[in-house]
Amino acid sequence: MPQLSPELPAQLSSRLESPHGGRRDVRSWRRRCEPELAYGRHFGPIRRSARQAAVVAGFYFADGQWWLPLTKRAAGLQDHPGQISLPGGMVEPSESPAEAALREWEEELGDPAENVRLLGQLSPVFVFGTNFAVTPFVAALEHPPELRPNAAEVASVLALPARALIAGEASLASFPQRFAIQRRGLEFQAPQLAWEGEAIWGATLQILSELAYHLHCLAE
């Protein structure tokens, strides 16, 4: 089974800073996580009218392995209710995407932004259905998060082991499982990563697929 080093944050930081990084391979990993009927639109071009958003894939080490917290969005939210997401949200006019990512992390999870050290960022994702341009950041936590989730935004928090992204038949290192989705009178198939009874799919899965590519390259 692939193993991730205790030095993973330093490895990721170095890899994300590199001008190389297998862009073609990243694109192929992301493409196989696209839902049907997407036709590559998650790659852009991004509309000028798109709303800017930022999310954080924040690694922490506990029980001998690396984890990522994911949120199940509250049912009352206007955009993507009930879906599994990375912590994050909209970028306000007065802030940068990095500032927004840290602010939203603290607002959603209740974990202080000071616990989060940004390592770099992944490729932007265009969520064309709701017109969001998402900037994903990768981070390392100084210690496991102190979770006090905001019930208005977060229904629950899932802890996803990082190795689940790259190990096993259903991981993103192989071909993901698919499930049927109905939207606006259409039914289509979408790749998913199933975890704790939830389906991780869509833009979140594409972000995780790019992250999985880097983890796959770093795994021992």
C-alpha atoms as a PDB file:
ATOM      1  CA  MET A   1       0.000   0.000   0.000  1.00  0.00           C
ATOM      2  CA  PRO A   2       1.371   3.474  -0.851  1.00  0.00           C
ATOM      3  CA  GLN A   3       2.698   5.341   2.171  1.00  0.00           C
ATOM      4  CA  LEU A   4       2.831   9.107   2.660  1.00  0.00           C
ATOM      5  CA  SER A   5       5.823  10.564   4.472  1.00  0.00           C
ATOM      6  CA  PRO A   6       5.614  12.476   7.767  1.00  0.00           C
ATOM      7  CA  GLU A   7       7.432  15.162   5.732  1.00  0.00           C
ATOM      8  CA  LEU A   8       4.463  15.471   3.358  1.00  0.00           C
ATOM      9  CA  PRO A   9       3.894  19.241   3.878  1.00  0.00           C
ATOM     10  CA  ALA A  10       7.472  20.081   2.871  1.00  0.00           C
ATOM     11  CA  GLN A  11       7.254  17.722  -0.092  1.00  0.00           C
ATOM     12  CA  LEU A  12       3.978  19.232  -1.282  1.00  0.00           C
ATOM     13  CA  SER A  13       5.234  22.780  -0.829  1.00  0.00           C
ATOM     14  CA  SER A  14       8.282  22.049  -2.969  1.00  0.00           C
ATOM     15  CA  ARG A  15       6.222  20.277  -5.604  1.00  0.00           C
ATOM     16  CA  LEU A  16       3.593  23.011  -5.860  1.00  0.00           C
ATOM     17  CA  GLU A  17       6.285  25.689  -6.207  1.00  0.00           C
ATOM     18  CA  SER A  18       7.887  23.844  -9.129  1.00  0.00           C
ATOM     19  CA  PRO A  19       7.191  25.269 -12.604  1.00  0.00           C
ATOM     20  CA  HIS A  20       6.959  21.660 -13.757  1.00  0.00           C
ATOM     21  CA  GLY A  21       4.490  19.325 -12.144  1.00  0.00           C
ATOM     22  CA  GLY A  22       2.976  17.184 -14.836  1.00  0.00           C
ATOM     23  CA  ARG A  23       0.272  19.518 -16.112  1.00  0.00           C
ATOM     24  CA  ARG A  24      -0.755  17.068 -18.813  1.00  0.00           C
ATOM     25  CA  ASP A  25      -1.003  14.242 -16.282  1.00  0.00           C
ATOM     26  CA  VAL A  26      -2.950  16.474 -13.872  1.00  0.00           C
ATOM     27  CA  ARG A  27      -5.444  17.232 -16.620  1.00  0.00           C
ATOM     28  CA  SER A  28      -5.967  13.540 -17.380  1.00  0.00           C
ATOM     29  CA  TRP A  29      -6.549  12.766 -13.693  1.00  0.00           C
ATOM     30  CA  ARG A  30      -9.087  15.571 -13.476  1.00  0.00           C
ATOM     31  CA  ARG A  31     -10.836  14.561 -16.704  1.00  0.00           C
ATOM     32  CA  ARG A  32     -11.631  11.080 -15.464  1.00  0.00           C
ATOM     33  CA  CYS A  33     -13.385  12.655 -12.469  1.00  0.00           C
ATOM     34  CA  GLU A  34     -15.662  14.835 -14.616  1.00  0.00           C
ATOM     35  CA  PRO A  35     -19.415  14.149 -14.635  1.00  0.00           C
ATOM     36  CA  GLU A  36     -21.119  13.297 -17.891  1.00  0.00           C
ATOM     37  CA  LEU A  37     -22.357  16.349 -19.835  1.00  0.00           C
ATOM     38  CA  ALA A  38     -19.539  18.523 -18.430  1.00  0.00           C
ATOM     39  CA  TYR A  39     -17.603  18.469 -21.724  1.00  0.00           C
ATOM     40  CA  GLY A  40     -14.456  19.889 -20.157  1.00  0.00           C
ATOM     41  CA  ARG A  41     -16.114  23.096 -19.004  1.00  0.00           C
ATOM     42  CA  HIS A  42     -14.560  22.835 -15.522  1.00  0.00           C
ATOM     43  CA  PHE A  43     -11.249  23.747 -17.186  1.00  0.00           C
ATOM     44  CA  GLY A  44     -12.651  27.024 -18.545  1.00  0.00           C
ATOM     45  CA  PRO A  45     -12.651  29.476 -20.105  1.00  0.00           C
ATOM     46  CA  ILE A  46     -14.025  31.063 -16.951  1.00  0.00           C
ATOM     47  CA  ARG A  47     -16.797  33.600 -17.530  1.00  0.00           C
ATOM     48  CA  ARG A  48     -16.013  37.205 -16.658  1.00  0.00           C
ATOM     49  CA  SER A  49     -19.186  37.208 -14.554  1.00  0.00           C
ATOM     50  CA  ALA A  50     -18.033  34.238 -12.450  1.00  0.00           C
ATOM     51  CA  ARG A  51     -18.111  34.658  -8.688  1.00  0.00           C
ATOM     52  CA  GLN A  52     -14.703  34.156  -7.082  1.00  0.00           C
ATOM     53  CA  ALA A  53     -14.345  31.511  -4.364  1.00  0.00           C
ATOM     54  CA  ALA A  54     -11.500  29.799  -2.520  1.00  0.00           C
ATOM     55  CA  VAL A  55     -11.239  26.489  -0.674  1.00  0.00           C
ATOM     56  CA  VAL A  56      -8.629  24.763   1.503  1.00  0.00           C
ATOM     57  CA  ALA A  57      -7.391  21.184   1.439  1.00  0.00           C
ATOM     58  CA  GLY A  58      -5.845  21.198   4.907  1.00  0.00           C
ATOM     59  CA  PHE A  59      -3.707  18.212   5.929  1.00  0.00           C
ATOM     60  CA  TYR A  60      -3.229  17.217   9.540  1.00  0.00           C
ATOM     61  CA  PHE A  61      -1.370  14.275  11.068  1.00  0.00           C
ATOM     62  CA  ALA A  62      -3.116  12.040  13.618  1.00  0.00           C
ATOM     63  CA  ASP A  63      -3.098   8.339  14.496  1.00  0.00           C
ATOM     64  CA  GLY A  64      -0.088   7.721  12.295  1.00  0.00           C
ATOM     65  CA  GLN A  65      -1.482   9.112   9.057  1.00  0.00           C
ATOM     66  CA  TRP A  66      -2.540  12.248   7.175  1.00  0.00           C
ATOM     67  CA  TRP A  67      -6.153  13.431   7.087  1.00  0.00           C
ATOM     68  CA  LEU A  68      -8.248  16.053   5.310  1.00  0.00           C
ATOM     69  CA  PRO A  69     -11.413  17.597   6.799  1.00  0.00           C
ATOM     70  CA  LEU A  70     -14.352  17.872   4.400  1.00  0.00           C
ATOM     71  CA  THR A  71     -17.694  19.508   5.084  1.00  0.00           C
ATOM     72  CA  LYS A  72     -21.220  18.433   4.268  1.00  0.00           C
ATOM     73  CA  ARG A  73     -22.930  21.652   3.286  1.00  0.00           C
ATOM     74  CA  ALA A  74     -26.031  22.611   5.254  1.00  0.00           C
ATOM     75  CA  ALA A  75     -29.363  21.802   3.621  1.00  0.00           C
ATOM     76  CA  GLY A  76     -30.499  25.427   3.767  1.00  0.00           C
ATOM     77  CA  LEU A  77     -27.679  26.863   1.653  1.00  0.00           C
ATOM     78  CA  GLN A  78     -28.566  28.330  -1.728  1.00  0.00           C
ATOM     79  CA  ASP A  79     -25.638  26.801  -3.615  1.00  0.00           C
ATOM     80  CA  HIS A  80     -24.800  23.082  -3.541  1.00  0.00           C
ATOM     81  CA  PRO A  81     -26.845  22.190  -0.405  1.00  0.00           C
ATOM     82  CA  GLY A  82     -26.063  18.802   1.106  1.00  0.00           C
ATOM     83  CA  GLN A  83     -22.973  18.242  -1.027  1.00  0.00           C
ATOM     84  CA  ILE A  84     -19.511  17.353   0.256  1.00  0.00           C
ATOM     85  CA  SER A  85     -17.034  20.213  -0.092  1.00  0.00           C
ATOM     86  CA  LEU A  86     -13.659  21.437   1.012  1.00  0.00           C
ATOM     87  CA  PRO A  87     -13.879  24.236   3.594  1.00  0.00           C
ATOM     88  CA  GLY A  88     -14.135  27.586   1.839  1.00  0.00           C
ATOM     89  CA  GLY A  89     -16.433  30.142   0.281  1.00  0.00           C
ATOM     90  CA  MET A  90     -16.743  33.402  -1.613  1.00  0.00           C
ATOM     91  CA  VAL A  91     -13.939  35.927  -1.957  1.00  0.00           C
ATOM     92  CA  GLU A  92     -14.999  39.364  -0.704  1.00  0.00           C
ATOM     93  CA  PRO A  93     -14.034  42.454  -2.779  1.00  0.00           C
ATOM     94  CA  SER A  94     -11.531  43.619  -0.151  1.00  0.00           C
ATOM     95  CA  GLU A  95      -9.566  40.351   0.175  1.00  0.00           C
ATOM     96  CA  SER A  96      -7.342  38.010  -1.787  1.00  0.00           C
ATOM     97  CA  PRO A  97      -8.314  34.382  -2.475  1.00  0.00           C
ATOM     98  CA  ALA A  98      -5.791  33.252   0.168  1.00  0.00           C
ATOM     99  CA  GLU A  99      -7.293  35.599   2.764  1.00  0.00           C
ATOM    100  CA  ALA A 100     -10.783  34.388   1.882  1.00  0.00           C
ATOM    101  CA  ALA A 101      -9.740  30.746   2.175  1.00  0.00           C
ATOM    102  CA  LEU A 102      -8.364  31.272   5.684  1.00  0.00           C
ATOM    103  CA  ARG A 103     -11.340  33.368   6.799  1.00  0.00           C
ATOM    104  CA  GLU A 104     -13.830  30.791   5.514  1.00  0.00           C
ATOM    105  CA  TRP A 105     -11.877  27.962   7.148  1.00  0.00           C
ATOM    106  CA  GLU A 106     -12.299  29.598  10.544  1.00  0.00           C
ATOM    107  CA  GLU A 107     -15.916  30.641   9.929  1.00  0.00           C
ATOM    108  CA  GLU A 108     -17.021  27.187   8.778  1.00  0.00           C
ATOM    109  CA  LEU A 109     -15.007  24.890  11.049  1.00  0.00           C
ATOM    110  CA  GLY A 110     -14.379  27.109  14.073  1.00  0.00           C
ATOM    111  CA  ASP A 111     -10.695  26.181  13.879  1.00  0.00           C
ATOM    112  CA  PRO A 112      -8.418  29.256  14.131  1.00  0.00           C
ATOM    113  CA  ALA A 113      -6.898  30.418  10.858  1.00  0.00           C
ATOM    114  CA  GLU A 114      -3.562  30.631  12.719  1.00  0.00           C
ATOM    115  CA  ASN A 115      -3.551  26.819  12.718  1.00  0.00           C
ATOM    116  CA  VAL A 116      -3.407  26.787   8.903  1.00  0.00           C
ATOM    117  CA  ARG A 117      -0.174  27.157   6.920  1.00  0.00           C
ATOM    118  CA  LEU A 118      -0.756  27.544   3.190  1.00  0.00           C
ATOM    119  CA  LEU A 119       1.643  25.478   1.066  1.00  0.00           C
ATOM    120  CA  GLY A 120       0.543  26.454  -2.436  1.00  0.00           C
ATOM    121  CA  GLN A 121      -2.405  26.238  -4.771  1.00  0.00           C
ATOM    122  CA  LEU A 122      -3.861  23.889  -7.351  1.00  0.00           C
ATOM    123  CA  SER A 123      -5.414  24.617 -10.741  1.00  0.00           C
ATOM    124  CA  PRO A 124      -8.561  26.769 -10.704  1.00  0.00           C
ATOM    125  CA  VAL A 125     -11.890  25.027 -11.266  1.00  0.00           C
ATOM    126  CA  PHE A 126     -14.842  26.609 -13.060  1.00  0.00           C
ATOM    127  CA  VAL A 127     -18.127  25.446 -11.513  1.00  0.00           C
ATOM    128  CA  PHE A 128     -20.165  26.400 -14.554  1.00  0.00           C
ATOM    129  CA  GLY A 129     -23.548  25.337 -13.147  1.00  0.00           C
ATOM    130  CA  THR A 130     -23.483  27.968 -10.389  1.00  0.00           C
ATOM    131  CA  ASN A 131     -20.911  30.273 -12.032  1.00  0.00           C
ATOM    132  CA  PHE A 132     -18.099  30.015  -9.474  1.00  0.00           C
ATOM    133  CA  ALA A 133     -14.379  30.286 -10.216  1.00  0.00           C
ATOM    134  CA  VAL A 134     -12.726  28.321  -7.407  1.00  0.00           C
ATOM    135  CA  THR A 135      -9.098  28.722  -6.325  1.00  0.00           C
ATOM    136  CA  PRO A 136      -8.024  25.635  -4.318  1.00  0.00           C
ATOM    137  CA  PHE A 137      -5.263  25.990  -1.727  1.00  0.00           C
ATOM    138  CA  VAL A 138      -3.251  23.194  -0.111  1.00  0.00           C
ATOM    139  CA  ALA A 139      -2.323  23.666   3.538  1.00  0.00           C
ATOM    140  CA  ALA A 140      -0.814  21.932   6.547  1.00  0.00           C
ATOM    141  CA  LEU A 141      -2.261  22.313  10.028  1.00  0.00           C
ATOM    142  CA  GLU A 142      -0.002  22.904  12.997  1.00  0.00           C
ATOM    143  CA  HIS A 143      -2.163  20.449  14.987  1.00  0.00           C
ATOM    144  CA  PRO A 144      -5.439  18.553  14.419  1.00  0.00           C
ATOM    145  CA  PRO A 145      -8.328  21.000  13.993  1.00  0.00           C
ATOM    146  CA  GLU A 146     -10.425  22.111  16.936  1.00  0.00           C
ATOM    147  CA  LEU A 147     -13.806  21.632  15.294  1.00  0.00           C
ATOM    148  CA  ARG A 148     -16.719  23.886  16.217  1.00  0.00           C
ATOM    149  CA  PRO A 149     -18.618  23.846  12.908  1.00  0.00           C
ATOM    150  CA  ASN A 150     -21.011  26.647  12.017  1.00  0.00           C
ATOM    151  CA  ALA A 151     -24.409  24.911  11.843  1.00  0.00           C
ATOM    152  CA  ALA A 152     -25.766  27.537   9.438  1.00  0.00           C
ATOM    153  CA  GLU A 153     -23.204  26.444   6.833  1.00  0.00           C
ATOM    154  CA  VAL A 154     -22.005  22.976   7.830  1.00  0.00           C
ATOM    155  CA  ALA A 155     -24.214  19.958   8.514  1.00  0.00           C
ATOM    156  CA  SER A 156     -21.274  17.738   9.498  1.00  0.00           C
ATOM    157  CA  VAL A 157     -17.514  17.335   9.104  1.00  0.00           C
ATOM    158  CA  LEU A 158     -15.912  14.250   7.565  1.00  0.00           C
ATOM    159  CA  ALA A 159     -12.317  13.182   8.173  1.00  0.00           C
ATOM    160  CA  LEU A 160     -10.927  11.713   4.956  1.00  0.00           C
ATOM    161  CA  PRO A 161      -7.623   9.809   5.199  1.00  0.00           C
ATOM    162  CA  ALA A 162      -5.278  11.103   2.509  1.00  0.00           C
ATOM    163  CA  ARG A 163      -4.293   7.570   1.560  1.00  0.00           C
ATOM    164  CA  ALA A 164      -7.918   6.921   0.472  1.00  0.00           C
ATOM    165  CA  LEU A 165      -7.194   9.196  -2.488  1.00  0.00           C
ATOM    166  CA  ILE A 166      -4.449   6.951  -3.842  1.00  0.00           C
ATOM    167  CA  ALA A 167      -4.906   3.436  -2.386  1.00  0.00           C
ATOM    168  CA  GLY A 168      -7.564   0.862  -3.203  1.00  0.00           C
ATOM    169  CA  GLU A 169      -9.664  -0.063  -6.236  1.00  0.00           C
ATOM    170  CA  ALA A 170     -12.054   2.871  -5.727  1.00  0.00           C
ATOM    171  CA  SER A 171      -9.317   5.464  -5.225  1.00  0.00           C
ATOM    172  CA  LEU A 172      -8.552   8.324  -7.592  1.00  0.00           C
ATOM    173  CA  ALA A 173      -5.388   6.518  -8.679  1.00  0.00           C
ATOM    174  CA  SER A 174      -7.677   4.073 -10.508  1.00  0.00           C
ATOM    175  CA  PHE A 175     -10.992   4.743 -12.211  1.00  0.00           C
ATOM    176  CA  PRO A 176     -13.503   6.135  -9.709  1.00  0.00           C
ATOM    177  CA  GLN A 177     -16.890   4.574  -9.082  1.00  0.00           C
ATOM    178  CA  ARG A 178     -19.868   6.230 -10.763  1.00  0.00           C
ATOM    179  CA  PHE A 179     -23.380   7.000  -9.595  1.00  0.00           C
ATOM    180  CA  ALA A 180     -26.545   8.456 -11.153  1.00  0.00           C
ATOM    181  CA  ILE A 181     -27.559  12.078 -10.567  1.00  0.00           C
ATOM    182  CA  GLN A 182     -30.751  13.887 -11.533  1.00  0.00           C
ATOM    183  CA  ARG A 183     -30.609  17.627 -12.190  1.00  0.00           C
ATOM    184  CA  ARG A 184     -33.175  19.819 -13.965  1.00  0.00           C
ATOM    185  CA  GLY A 185     -34.939  16.866 -15.523  1.00  0.00           C
ATOM    186  CA  LEU A 186     -31.729  15.198 -16.717  1.00  0.00           C
ATOM    187  CA  GLU A 187     -30.134  12.018 -15.394  1.00  0.00           C
ATOM    188  CA  PHE A 188     -26.404  11.512 -15.873  1.00  0.00           C
ATOM    189  CA  GLN A 189     -23.512   9.544 -14.438  1.00  0.00           C
ATOM    190  CA  ALA A 190     -20.825  11.138 -12.298  1.00  0.00           C
ATOM    191  CA  PRO A 191     -17.616   9.709 -10.836  1.00  0.00           C
ATOM    192  CA  GLN A 192     -17.526   9.646  -7.058  1.00  0.00           C
ATOM    193  CA  LEU A 193     -15.330   8.825  -4.113  1.00  0.00           C
ATOM    194  CA  ALA A 194     -17.566   7.200  -1.511  1.00  0.00           C
ATOM    195  CA  TRP A 195     -16.660   7.860   2.116  1.00  0.00           C
ATOM    196  CA  GLU A 196     -18.679   7.395   5.320  1.00  0.00           C
ATOM    197  CA  GLY A 197     -21.857   6.927   3.307  1.00  0.00           C
ATOM    198  CA  GLU A 198     -21.396  10.152   1.341  1.00  0.00           C
ATOM    199  CA  ALA A 199     -20.595  10.722  -2.339  1.00  0.00           C
ATOM    200  CA  ILE A 200     -17.742  13.127  -3.050  1.00  0.00           C
ATOM    201  CA  TRP A 201     -18.141  14.331  -6.627  1.00  0.00           C
ATOM    202  CA  GLY A 202     -18.180  17.342  -8.953  1.00  0.00           C
ATOM    203  CA  ALA A 203     -15.738  20.206  -8.441  1.00  0.00           C
ATOM    204  CA  THR A 204     -14.608  18.844  -5.059  1.00  0.00           C
ATOM    205  CA  LEU A 205     -13.677  15.508  -6.617  1.00  0.00           C
ATOM    206  CA  GLN A 206     -11.774  17.267  -9.398  1.00  0.00           C
ATOM    207  CA  ILE A 207      -9.764  19.265  -6.869  1.00  0.00           C
ATOM    208  CA  LEU A 208      -9.060  16.101  -4.893  1.00  0.00           C
ATOM    209  CA  SER A 209      -8.068  14.291  -8.089  1.00  0.00           C
ATOM    210  CA  GLU A 210      -5.340  16.864  -8.787  1.00  0.00           C
ATOM    211  CA  LEU A 211      -4.214  16.570  -5.181  1.00  0.00           C
ATOM    212  CA  ALA A 212      -4.260  12.773  -5.533  1.00  0.00           C
ATOM    213  CA  TYR A 213      -1.965  13.027  -8.544  1.00  0.00           C
ATOM    214  CA  HIS A 214       0.649  14.861  -6.464  1.00  0.00           C
ATOM    215  CA  LEU A 215       0.237  12.419  -3.559  1.00  0.00           C
ATOM    216  CA  HIS A 216       0.596   9.498  -5.954  1.00  0.00           C
ATOM    217  CA  CYS A 217       3.884  10.956  -7.223  1.00  0.00           C
ATOM    218  CA  LEU A 218       5.155  11.452  -3.652  1.00  0.00           C
ATOM    219  CA  ALA A 219       4.003   8.144  -2.135  1.00  0.00           C
ATOM    220  CA  GLU A 220       6.670   5.630  -1.186  1.00  0.00           C
END
